[in-house]
Amino acid sequence: MVTAITKNIEVSVETSYQQNQSRPDLNYFLFSYRITISNEGEFTVQLLSRFWDIFDSHMERRYVEGAGVVGDQPVLAPGESYQYESFCQLKSDAGIMKGHYNFKREVDDQEFKVIIPEFNLIPDFRNN
């Protein structure tokens, strides 16, 4: 698990290679990731959007951005957490993801970026 804290918002990431849903013979490698976002600050915040920078070992880079996460724009009061799971498909068996979320403080509508820490997408068989 990797974790980063930006402006009192903690983002933790856990990953898992989905062997049963991957097709290495077709250069299709599926990874899941679970993200936990915790509001450690004193203000209620809302996640507005996300930006991903995805890079695989075939030197392919792609960017993904959009509103919210998994169809949701969660509001987190102080001390609250939000967790979601999503997937990433790569053409190789190793890659890296990183990015940021755009948040808004509800008290004054101030927007700010929260770092999503860089994390590896590597199957267990590559770690041996």
Protein backbone atom coordinates (compact mmCIF):
# COMPACT_ATOMS: atom_id res chain seq x y z
CA MET A 1 0.00 0.00 0.00
CA VAL A 2 1.16 3.52 -0.79
CA THR A 3 -0.16 6.66 0.87
CA ALA A 4 0.09 10.42 0.34
CA ILE A 5 -1.38 13.34 2.27
CA THR A 6 -2.16 16.65 0.57
CA LYS A 7 -3.93 19.50 2.38
CA ASN A 8 -5.15 17.09 5.09
CA ILE A 9 -6.63 14.62 2.57
CA GLU A 10 -5.05 11.17 2.81
CA VAL A 11 -5.09 8.91 -0.26
CA SER A 12 -4.08 5.25 0.10
CA VAL A 13 -3.84 2.75 -2.75
CA GLU A 14 -3.77 -1.06 -2.82
CA THR A 15 -3.40 -3.00 -6.08
CA SER A 16 -4.07 -6.53 -7.29
CA TYR A 17 -3.32 -8.33 -10.55
CA GLN A 18 -6.44 -10.00 -11.96
CA GLN A 19 -4.92 -13.17 -13.36
CA ASN A 20 -8.25 -14.84 -14.16
CA GLN A 21 -9.36 -11.89 -16.28
CA SER A 22 -6.03 -11.23 -18.00
CA ARG A 23 -4.93 -12.62 -21.37
CA PRO A 24 -1.12 -12.38 -21.60
CA ASP A 25 -1.23 -14.11 -25.02
CA LEU A 26 -3.24 -11.11 -26.27
CA ASN A 27 -1.21 -8.47 -24.37
CA TYR A 28 -4.15 -7.85 -22.04
CA PHE A 29 -3.24 -7.47 -18.36
CA LEU A 30 -5.93 -6.38 -15.92
CA PHE A 31 -5.21 -4.83 -12.55
CA SER A 32 -7.61 -3.69 -9.87
CA TYR A 33 -6.89 -0.93 -7.40
CA ARG A 34 -8.66 0.07 -4.21
CA ILE A 35 -8.40 3.66 -3.10
CA THR A 36 -9.27 5.01 0.33
CA ILE A 37 -9.66 8.77 0.68
CA SER A 38 -9.79 10.17 4.23
CA ASN A 39 -10.54 13.73 5.25
CA GLU A 40 -8.13 14.47 8.10
CA GLY A 41 -8.87 18.21 7.97
CA GLU A 42 -11.38 20.48 9.66
CA PHE A 43 -13.51 21.35 6.62
CA THR A 44 -16.04 19.34 4.61
CA VAL A 45 -14.75 18.69 1.09
CA GLN A 46 -16.10 17.27 -2.15
CA LEU A 47 -14.19 15.31 -4.77
CA LEU A 48 -14.98 16.94 -8.12
CA SER A 49 -12.78 15.17 -10.67
CA ARG A 50 -9.79 12.92 -11.28
CA PHE A 51 -6.73 12.89 -13.52
CA TRP A 52 -4.65 9.75 -14.18
CA ASP A 53 -1.23 9.38 -15.80
CA ILE A 54 -0.83 5.70 -16.75
CA PHE A 55 2.45 4.29 -18.08
CA ASP A 56 3.26 0.69 -19.00
CA SER A 57 6.53 -1.11 -19.66
CA HIS A 58 5.91 -0.99 -23.43
CA MET A 59 6.54 2.76 -23.06
CA GLU A 60 2.88 3.56 -23.73
CA ARG A 61 1.48 6.50 -21.78
CA ARG A 62 -2.15 7.54 -21.53
CA TYR A 63 -4.08 10.12 -19.63
CA VAL A 64 -7.55 9.71 -18.22
CA GLU A 65 -9.62 12.46 -16.69
CA GLY A 66 -13.24 13.00 -15.81
CA ALA A 67 -15.81 13.95 -13.24
CA GLY A 68 -15.75 12.17 -9.90
CA VAL A 69 -14.73 8.56 -9.39
CA VAL A 70 -16.77 5.50 -10.40
CA GLY A 71 -19.76 7.74 -11.08
CA ASP A 72 -19.65 9.47 -7.69
CA GLN A 73 -18.52 12.86 -6.38
CA PRO A 74 -18.30 12.05 -2.67
CA VAL A 75 -18.62 14.66 0.06
CA LEU A 76 -16.41 13.99 3.08
CA ALA A 77 -16.95 15.68 6.43
CA PRO A 78 -13.96 15.91 8.79
CA GLY A 79 -12.96 12.40 9.88
CA GLU A 80 -14.90 10.64 7.12
CA SER A 81 -13.47 8.25 4.54
CA TYR A 82 -14.56 7.06 1.11
CA GLN A 83 -13.36 3.89 -0.58
CA TYR A 84 -13.79 2.67 -4.13
CA GLU A 85 -12.37 0.03 -6.42
CA SER A 86 -11.62 0.35 -10.11
CA PHE A 87 -9.55 -1.31 -12.82
CA CYS A 88 -6.76 -0.56 -15.27
CA GLN A 89 -5.89 -2.55 -18.38
CA LEU A 90 -2.32 -2.57 -19.65
CA LYS A 91 -0.71 -4.04 -22.77
CA SER A 92 2.24 -5.27 -20.69
CA ASP A 93 2.58 -6.99 -17.35
CA ALA A 94 4.01 -3.95 -15.55
CA GLY A 95 3.07 -0.34 -15.26
CA ILE A 96 2.77 2.73 -13.09
CA MET A 97 -0.19 4.96 -12.27
CA LYS A 98 -0.24 8.35 -10.58
CA GLY A 99 -2.43 11.41 -10.70
CA HIS A 100 -4.51 13.82 -8.71
CA TYR A 101 -8.03 14.60 -7.60
CA ASN A 102 -9.62 18.01 -7.73
CA PHE A 103 -11.44 18.82 -4.51
CA LYS A 104 -13.55 21.73 -3.29
CA ARG A 105 -13.91 22.99 0.26
CA GLU A 106 -17.61 23.48 0.96
CA VAL A 107 -17.13 26.41 3.36
CA ASP A 108 -15.72 28.77 0.69
CA ASP A 109 -15.79 26.80 -2.62
CA GLN A 110 -11.98 26.92 -2.77
CA GLU A 111 -10.70 24.24 -5.16
CA PHE A 112 -7.44 22.37 -4.63
CA LYS A 113 -5.51 19.38 -5.96
CA VAL A 114 -4.85 16.24 -3.95
CA ILE A 115 -2.02 13.98 -5.07
CA ILE A 116 -2.70 10.32 -5.84
CA PRO A 117 0.62 8.68 -4.97
CA GLU A 118 2.47 6.82 -7.69
CA PHE A 119 1.86 3.08 -7.49
CA ASN A 120 3.09 0.04 -9.38
CA LEU A 121 0.94 -2.38 -11.34
CA ILE A 122 2.97 -5.58 -11.20
CA PRO A 123 1.73 -9.19 -10.92
CA ASP A 124 2.98 -11.29 -8.03
CA PHE A 125 4.91 -13.55 -10.42
CA ARG A 126 7.12 -10.57 -11.41
CA ASN A 127 8.05 -9.88 -7.77
CA ASN A 128 9.72 -13.25 -7.25
